Structures are given as C-alpha cells and as structure tokens.
Amino acid sequence: MVIATVREWRDEEGWGVLDSVETPGGCWGHYSDIQMPGFRTLSPGQTVSLRWEEPGFMQDGYRFRALSIVPRSA
C-alpha cells in the first residue's frame, strides 16, 4: 500500500480521485473500496493508504484504479 491524498470526492456519485507519487495523474476510487464501517466517504485533503492497479483501460479518464482505500488517523 502507498500513502495518497484525496484530491476530490463526490458523495452523490460515490467516487473520487486520489493522488500519490505512484499514481501520476490520479487514481480513481469508488466508495465500495473504502475500508470503514457505516457510510463510506472521504474528504479532499484527507490522507489514506491506497492499494491500486493499472487495469489497462481508462476508468472515467484515469489510468489507475483503487482496490482498497484505508483512511488514516490524524
């Protein structure tokens, strides 16, 4: 897993973009990949641990896709 920062998050659509050195241009993430109980959401600027893949196709314009997103405590 790598450390990433939430660039943007769209609760109404259930997805957002995460930035890390390992995922240049951003990594697409879906709420179902957030590892937490209850309502799963993220906030811009929040730090997370990220496991990602490069599936070989563009996901909503992003080359990388999250497999697991773990919010980090402050």
PDB file of N, CA and C in Angstrom:
ATOM      1  N   MET A   1       0.842  -1.182   0.000  1.00  0.00           N
ATOM      2  CA  MET A   1       0.000   0.000   0.000  1.00  0.00           C
ATOM      3  C   MET A   1       0.886   1.245   0.000  1.00  0.00           C
ATOM      4  N   VAL A   2       0.358   2.308  -0.566  1.00  0.00           N
ATOM      5  CA  VAL A   2       1.066   3.590  -0.621  1.00  0.00           C
ATOM      6  C   VAL A   2       0.222   4.645   0.094  1.00  0.00           C
ATOM      7  N   ILE A   3       0.848   5.754   0.417  1.00  0.00           N
ATOM      8  CA  ILE A   3       0.138   6.876   1.034  1.00  0.00           C
ATOM      9  C   ILE A   3      -0.373   7.777  -0.087  1.00  0.00           C
ATOM     10  N   ALA A   4      -1.621   8.177   0.001  1.00  0.00           N
ATOM     11  CA  ALA A   4      -2.235   9.048  -1.002  1.00  0.00           C
ATOM     12  C   ALA A   4      -3.052  10.133  -0.307  1.00  0.00           C
ATOM     13  N   THR A   5      -3.355  11.167  -1.068  1.00  0.00           N
ATOM     14  CA  THR A   5      -4.189  12.272  -0.593  1.00  0.00           C
ATOM     15  C   THR A   5      -5.422  12.363  -1.478  1.00  0.00           C
ATOM     16  N   VAL A   6      -6.561  12.579  -0.857  1.00  0.00           N
ATOM     17  CA  VAL A   6      -7.814  12.712  -1.608  1.00  0.00           C
ATOM     18  C   VAL A   6      -7.815  14.068  -2.312  1.00  0.00           C
ATOM     19  N   ARG A   7      -7.872  14.052  -3.630  1.00  0.00           N
ATOM     20  CA  ARG A   7      -7.941  15.284  -4.412  1.00  0.00           C
ATOM     21  C   ARG A   7      -9.375  15.817  -4.429  1.00  0.00           C
ATOM     22  N   GLU A   8     -10.316  14.925  -4.715  1.00  0.00           N
ATOM     23  CA  GLU A   8     -11.734  15.291  -4.743  1.00  0.00           C
ATOM     24  C   GLU A   8     -12.562  14.060  -4.429  1.00  0.00           C
ATOM     25  N   TRP A   9     -13.751  14.279  -3.876  1.00  0.00           N
ATOM     26  CA  TRP A   9     -14.649  13.165  -3.580  1.00  0.00           C
ATOM     27  C   TRP A   9     -16.081  13.607  -3.853  1.00  0.00           C
ATOM     28  N   ARG A  10     -16.832  12.782  -4.578  1.00  0.00           N
ATOM     29  CA  ARG A  10     -18.210  13.085  -4.986  1.00  0.00           C
ATOM     30  C   ARG A  10     -19.165  12.106  -4.311  1.00  0.00           C
ATOM     31  N   ASP A  11     -19.658  12.488  -3.143  1.00  0.00           N
ATOM     32  CA  ASP A  11     -20.574  11.610  -2.404  1.00  0.00           C
ATOM     33  C   ASP A  11     -21.777  11.202  -3.232  1.00  0.00           C
ATOM     34  N   GLU A  12     -22.346  12.157  -3.965  1.00  0.00           N
ATOM     35  CA  GLU A  12     -23.566  11.868  -4.727  1.00  0.00           C
ATOM     36  C   GLU A  12     -23.335  10.847  -5.838  1.00  0.00           C
ATOM     37  N   GLU A  13     -22.093  10.719  -6.302  1.00  0.00           N
ATOM     38  CA  GLU A  13     -21.771   9.749  -7.342  1.00  0.00           C
ATOM     39  C   GLU A  13     -21.009   8.540  -6.794  1.00  0.00           C
ATOM     40  N   GLY A  14     -20.480   8.669  -5.570  1.00  0.00           N
ATOM     41  CA  GLY A  14     -19.805   7.550  -4.918  1.00  0.00           C
ATOM     42  C   GLY A  14     -18.381   7.290  -5.377  1.00  0.00           C
ATOM     43  N   TRP A  15     -17.717   8.303  -5.920  1.00  0.00           N
ATOM     44  CA  TRP A  15     -16.336   8.105  -6.341  1.00  0.00           C
ATOM     45  C   TRP A  15     -15.543   9.392  -6.224  1.00  0.00           C
ATOM     46  N   GLY A  16     -14.211   9.241  -6.353  1.00  0.00           N
ATOM     47  CA  GLY A  16     -13.342  10.400  -6.281  1.00  0.00           C
ATOM     48  C   GLY A  16     -11.963  10.078  -6.824  1.00  0.00           C
ATOM     49  N   VAL A  17     -11.051  11.023  -6.635  1.00  0.00           N
ATOM     50  CA  VAL A  17      -9.697  10.899  -7.169  1.00  0.00           C
ATOM     51  C   VAL A  17      -8.694  11.037  -6.030  1.00  0.00           C
ATOM     52  N   LEU A  18      -7.712  10.134  -6.034  1.00  0.00           N
ATOM     53  CA  LEU A  18      -6.675  10.098  -5.015  1.00  0.00           C
ATOM     54  C   LEU A  18      -5.326  10.310  -5.699  1.00  0.00           C
ATOM     55  N   ASP A  19      -4.456  11.086  -5.066  1.00  0.00           N
ATOM     56  CA  ASP A  19      -3.141  11.376  -5.633  1.00  0.00           C
ATOM     57  C   ASP A  19      -2.028  10.750  -4.809  1.00  0.00           C
ATOM     58  N   SER A  20      -1.080  10.123  -5.504  1.00  0.00           N
ATOM     59  CA  SER A  20       0.142   9.608  -4.885  1.00  0.00           C
ATOM     60  C   SER A  20       1.252   9.666  -5.922  1.00  0.00           C
ATOM     61  N   VAL A  21       2.477   9.595  -5.466  1.00  0.00           N
ATOM     62  CA  VAL A  21       3.622   9.596  -6.377  1.00  0.00           C
ATOM     63  C   VAL A  21       3.536   8.409  -7.339  1.00  0.00           C
ATOM     64  N   GLU A  22       3.045   7.283  -6.841  1.00  0.00           N
ATOM     65  CA  GLU A  22       2.986   6.052  -7.632  1.00  0.00           C
ATOM     66  C   GLU A  22       1.866   6.041  -8.665  1.00  0.00           C
ATOM     67  N   THR A  23       0.909   6.974  -8.564  1.00  0.00           N
ATOM     68  CA  THR A  23      -0.228   7.011  -9.489  1.00  0.00           C
ATOM     69  C   THR A  23      -0.330   8.393 -10.152  1.00  0.00           C
ATOM     70  N   PRO A  24       0.655   8.746 -11.000  1.00  0.00           N
ATOM     71  CA  PRO A  24       0.650  10.076 -11.613  1.00  0.00           C
ATOM     72  C   PRO A  24      -0.618  10.325 -12.432  1.00  0.00           C
ATOM     73  N   GLY A  25      -1.201  11.502 -12.248  1.00  0.00           N
ATOM     74  CA  GLY A  25      -2.438  11.845 -12.936  1.00  0.00           C
ATOM     75  C   GLY A  25      -3.683  11.506 -12.132  1.00  0.00           C
ATOM     76  N   GLY A  26      -3.508  10.778 -11.044  1.00  0.00           N
ATOM     77  CA  GLY A  26      -4.626  10.453 -10.166  1.00  0.00           C
ATOM     78  C   GLY A  26      -5.081   9.020 -10.263  1.00  0.00           C
ATOM     79  N   CYS A  27      -5.692   8.557  -9.187  1.00  0.00           N
ATOM     80  CA  CYS A  27      -6.219   7.200  -9.084  1.00  0.00           C
ATOM     81  C   CYS A  27      -7.709   7.283  -8.782  1.00  0.00           C
ATOM     82  N   TRP A  28      -8.526   6.650  -9.613  1.00  0.00           N
ATOM     83  CA  TRP A  28      -9.967   6.638  -9.441  1.00  0.00           C
ATOM     84  C   TRP A  28     -10.320   5.704  -8.285  1.00  0.00           C
ATOM     85  N   GLY A  29     -11.189   6.151  -7.388  1.00  0.00           N
ATOM     86  CA  GLY A  29     -11.612   5.315  -6.269  1.00  0.00           C
ATOM     87  C   GLY A  29     -13.118   5.305  -6.113  1.00  0.00           C
ATOM     88  N   HIS A  30     -13.667   4.175  -5.727  1.00  0.00           N
ATOM     89  CA  HIS A  30     -15.108   4.002  -5.537  1.00  0.00           C
ATOM     90  C   HIS A  30     -15.390   3.810  -4.049  1.00  0.00           C
ATOM     91  N   TYR A  31     -16.551   4.263  -3.608  1.00  0.00           N
ATOM     92  CA  TYR A  31     -16.882   4.162  -2.180  1.00  0.00           C
ATOM     93  C   TYR A  31     -16.823   2.725  -1.675  1.00  0.00           C
ATOM     94  N   SER A  32     -17.118   1.750  -2.525  1.00  0.00           N
ATOM     95  CA  SER A  32     -17.118   0.348  -2.081  1.00  0.00           C
ATOM     96  C   SER A  32     -15.718  -0.153  -1.743  1.00  0.00           C
ATOM     97  N   ASP A  33     -14.673   0.580  -2.155  1.00  0.00           N
ATOM     98  CA  ASP A  33     -13.296   0.190  -1.850  1.00  0.00           C
ATOM     99  C   ASP A  33     -12.780   0.810  -0.556  1.00  0.00           C
ATOM    100  N   ILE A  34     -13.580   1.698   0.070  1.00  0.00           N
ATOM    101  CA  ILE A  34     -13.175   2.324   1.331  1.00  0.00           C
ATOM    102  C   ILE A  34     -13.377   1.322   2.460  1.00  0.00           C
ATOM    103  N   GLN A  35     -12.327   1.073   3.213  1.00  0.00           N
ATOM    104  CA  GLN A  35     -12.359   0.093   4.298  1.00  0.00           C
ATOM    105  C   GLN A  35     -12.717   0.777   5.619  1.00  0.00           C
ATOM    106  N   MET A  36     -14.020   0.928   5.857  1.00  0.00           N
ATOM    107  CA  MET A  36     -14.509   1.509   7.106  1.00  0.00           C
ATOM    108  C   MET A  36     -15.976   1.137   7.269  1.00  0.00           C
ATOM    109  N   PRO A  37     -16.476   1.089   8.502  1.00  0.00           N
ATOM    110  CA  PRO A  37     -17.881   0.762   8.728  1.00  0.00           C
ATOM    111  C   PRO A  37     -18.772   1.975   8.453  1.00  0.00           C
ATOM    112  N   GLY A  38     -20.053   1.704   8.251  1.00  0.00           N
ATOM    113  CA  GLY A  38     -21.023   2.785   8.088  1.00  0.00           C
ATOM    114  C   GLY A  38     -20.942   3.447   6.729  1.00  0.00           C
ATOM    115  N   PHE A  39     -21.374   4.704   6.680  1.00  0.00           N
ATOM    116  CA  PHE A  39     -21.364   5.483   5.440  1.00  0.00           C
ATOM    117  C   PHE A  39     -19.923   5.739   5.027  1.00  0.00           C
ATOM    118  N   ARG A  40     -19.551   5.274   3.854  1.00  0.00           N
ATOM    119  CA  ARG A  40     -18.168   5.372   3.394  1.00  0.00           C
ATOM    120  C   ARG A  40     -17.983   6.603   2.511  1.00  0.00           C
ATOM    121  N   THR A  41     -17.205   7.537   3.016  1.00  0.00           N
ATOM    122  CA  THR A  41     -16.922   8.767   2.291  1.00  0.00           C
ATOM    123  C   THR A  41     -15.524   9.259   2.638  1.00  0.00           C
ATOM    124  N   LEU A  42     -14.990  10.123   1.797  1.00  0.00           N
ATOM    125  CA  LEU A  42     -13.684  10.726   2.028  1.00  0.00           C
ATOM    126  C   LEU A  42     -13.816  12.231   1.840  1.00  0.00           C
ATOM    127  N   SER A  43     -12.818  12.968   2.320  1.00  0.00           N
ATOM    128  CA  SER A  43     -12.818  14.425   2.210  1.00  0.00           C
ATOM    129  C   SER A  43     -11.564  14.890   1.488  1.00  0.00           C
ATOM    130  N   PRO A  44     -11.680  15.908   0.632  1.00  0.00           N
ATOM    131  CA  PRO A  44     -10.492  16.447  -0.019  1.00  0.00           C
ATOM    132  C   PRO A  44      -9.432  16.828   1.019  1.00  0.00           C
ATOM    133  N   GLY A  45      -8.182  16.454   0.727  1.00  0.00           N
ATOM    134  CA  GLY A  45      -7.076  16.717   1.634  1.00  0.00           C
ATOM    135  C   GLY A  45      -6.807  15.599   2.627  1.00  0.00           C
ATOM    136  N   GLN A  46      -7.738  14.664   2.753  1.00  0.00           N
ATOM    137  CA  GLN A  46      -7.580  13.550   3.691  1.00  0.00           C
ATOM    138  C   GLN A  46      -6.469  12.606   3.209  1.00  0.00           C
ATOM    139  N   THR A  47      -5.720  12.047   4.146  1.00  0.00           N
ATOM    140  CA  THR A  47      -4.663  11.082   3.835  1.00  0.00           C
ATOM    141  C   THR A  47      -5.207   9.668   3.995  1.00  0.00           C
ATOM    142  N   VAL A  48      -4.865   8.815   3.047  1.00  0.00           N
ATOM    143  CA  VAL A  48      -5.318   7.425   3.061  1.00  0.00           C
ATOM    144  C   VAL A  48      -4.169   6.504   2.677  1.00  0.00           C
ATOM    145  N   SER A  49      -4.313   5.241   3.030  1.00  0.00           N
ATOM    146  CA  SER A  49      -3.444   4.199   2.495  1.00  0.00           C
ATOM    147  C   SER A  49      -4.181   3.616   1.302  1.00  0.00           C
ATOM    148  N   LEU A  50      -3.450   3.373   0.237  1.00  0.00           N
ATOM    149  CA  LEU A  50      -4.071   3.011  -1.031  1.00  0.00           C
ATOM    150  C   LEU A  50      -3.396   1.802  -1.654  1.00  0.00           C
ATOM    151  N   ARG A  51      -4.214   0.831  -2.055  1.00  0.00           N
ATOM    152  CA  ARG A  51      -3.742  -0.275  -2.889  1.00  0.00           C
ATOM    153  C   ARG A  51      -4.432  -0.074  -4.227  1.00  0.00           C
ATOM    154  N   TRP A  52      -3.677  -0.129  -5.321  1.00  0.00           N
ATOM    155  CA  TRP A  52      -4.215   0.240  -6.624  1.00  0.00           C
ATOM    156  C   TRP A  52      -3.772  -0.745  -7.704  1.00  0.00           C
ATOM    157  N   GLU A  53      -4.380  -0.591  -8.885  1.00  0.00           N
ATOM    158  CA  GLU A  53      -3.991  -1.379 -10.046  1.00  0.00           C
ATOM    159  C   GLU A  53      -4.016  -0.486 -11.279  1.00  0.00           C
ATOM    160  N   GLU A  54      -3.355  -0.928 -12.303  1.00  0.00           N
ATOM    161  CA  GLU A  54      -3.407  -0.285 -13.607  1.00  0.00           C
ATOM    162  C   GLU A  54      -4.086  -1.287 -14.539  1.00  0.00           C
ATOM    163  N   PRO A  55      -5.428  -1.177 -14.693  1.00  0.00           N
ATOM    164  CA  PRO A  55      -6.192  -2.223 -15.363  1.00  0.00           C
ATOM    165  C   PRO A  55      -6.001  -2.317 -16.878  1.00  0.00           C
ATOM    166  N   GLY A  56      -5.353  -1.339 -17.508  1.00  0.00           N
ATOM    167  CA  GLY A  56      -5.162  -1.412 -18.953  1.00  0.00           C
ATOM    168  C   GLY A  56      -6.241  -0.682 -19.738  1.00  0.00           C
ATOM    169  N   PHE A  57      -7.140  -0.009 -19.034  1.00  0.00           N
ATOM    170  CA  PHE A  57      -8.146   0.831 -19.675  1.00  0.00           C
ATOM    171  C   PHE A  57      -8.371   2.035 -18.778  1.00  0.00           C
ATOM    172  N   MET A  58      -8.958   3.072 -19.324  1.00  0.00           N
ATOM    173  CA  MET A  58      -9.202   4.294 -18.555  1.00  0.00           C
ATOM    174  C   MET A  58     -10.516   4.161 -17.780  1.00  0.00           C
ATOM    175  N   GLN A  59     -10.477   4.423 -16.492  1.00  0.00           N
ATOM    176  CA  GLN A  59     -11.663   4.431 -15.641  1.00  0.00           C
ATOM    177  C   GLN A  59     -12.053   5.888 -15.456  1.00  0.00           C
ATOM    178  N   ASP A  60     -13.100   6.341 -16.133  1.00  0.00           N
ATOM    179  CA  ASP A  60     -13.548   7.737 -16.062  1.00  0.00           C
ATOM    180  C   ASP A  60     -12.399   8.719 -16.325  1.00  0.00           C
ATOM    181  N   GLY A  61     -11.489   8.348 -17.220  1.00  0.00           N
ATOM    182  CA  GLY A  61     -10.385   9.222 -17.585  1.00  0.00           C
ATOM    183  C   GLY A  61      -9.113   9.034 -16.775  1.00  0.00           C
ATOM    184  N   TYR A  62      -9.083   8.057 -15.869  1.00  0.00           N
ATOM    185  CA  TYR A  62      -7.914   7.831 -15.014  1.00  0.00           C
ATOM    186  C   TYR A  62      -7.279   6.479 -15.332  1.00  0.00           C
ATOM    187  N   ARG A  63      -5.968   6.464 -15.398  1.00  0.00           N
ATOM    188  CA  ARG A  63      -5.209   5.262 -15.744  1.00  0.00           C
ATOM    189  C   ARG A  63      -5.140   4.262 -14.596  1.00  0.00           C
ATOM    190  N   PHE A  64      -5.273   4.744 -13.368  1.00  0.00           N
ATOM    191  CA  PHE A  64      -5.155   3.889 -12.189  1.00  0.00           C
ATOM    192  C   PHE A  64      -6.500   3.773 -11.475  1.00  0.00           C
ATOM    193  N   ARG A  65      -6.723   2.614 -10.833  1.00  0.00           N
ATOM    194  CA  ARG A  65      -7.976   2.354 -10.114  1.00  0.00           C
ATOM    195  C   ARG A  65      -7.656   1.792  -8.730  1.00  0.00           C
ATOM    196  N   ALA A  66      -8.336   2.313  -7.719  1.00  0.00           N
ATOM    197  CA  ALA A  66      -8.132   1.833  -6.349  1.00  0.00           C
ATOM    198  C   ALA A  66      -8.737   0.455  -6.163  1.00  0.00           C
ATOM    199  N   LEU A  67      -8.043  -0.373  -5.384  1.00  0.00           N
ATOM    200  CA  LEU A  67      -8.560  -1.680  -4.977  1.00  0.00           C
ATOM    201  C   LEU A  67      -8.943  -1.670  -3.502  1.00  0.00           C
ATOM    202  N   SER A  68      -8.237  -0.865  -2.722  1.00  0.00           N
ATOM    203  CA  SER A  68      -8.509  -0.751  -1.292  1.00  0.00           C
ATOM    204  C   SER A  68      -8.072   0.639  -0.837  1.00  0.00           C
ATOM    205  N   ILE A  69      -8.954   1.307  -0.094  1.00  0.00           N
ATOM    206  CA  ILE A  69      -8.679   2.634   0.441  1.00  0.00           C
ATOM    207  C   ILE A  69      -8.902   2.583   1.945  1.00  0.00           C
ATOM    208  N   VAL A  70      -7.860   2.875   2.709  1.00  0.00           N
ATOM    209  CA  VAL A  70      -7.957   2.830   4.173  1.00  0.00           C
ATOM    210  C   VAL A  70      -7.690   4.235   4.712  1.00  0.00           C
ATOM    211  N   PRO A  71      -8.715   4.895   5.268  1.00  0.00           N
ATOM    212  CA  PRO A  71      -8.494   6.217   5.864  1.00  0.00           C
ATOM    213  C   PRO A  71      -7.470   6.124   6.999  1.00  0.00           C
ATOM    214  N   ARG A  72      -6.580   7.111   7.053  1.00  0.00           N
ATOM    215  CA  ARG A  72      -5.548   7.146   8.090  1.00  0.00           C
ATOM    216  C   ARG A  72      -5.982   8.125   9.169  1.00  0.00           C
ATOM    217  N   SER A  73      -5.653   7.787  10.406  1.00  0.00           N
ATOM    218  CA  SER A  73      -5.982   8.688  11.508  1.00  0.00           C
ATOM    219  C   SER A  73      -4.998   9.842  11.532  1.00  0.00           C
ATOM    220  N   ALA A  74      -5.451  10.977  12.033  1.00  0.00           N
ATOM    221  CA  ALA A  74      -4.634  12.201  12.026  1.00  0.00           C
ATOM    222  C   ALA A  74      -3.441  12.096  12.941  1.00  0.00           C
TER     223      ALA A  74
END
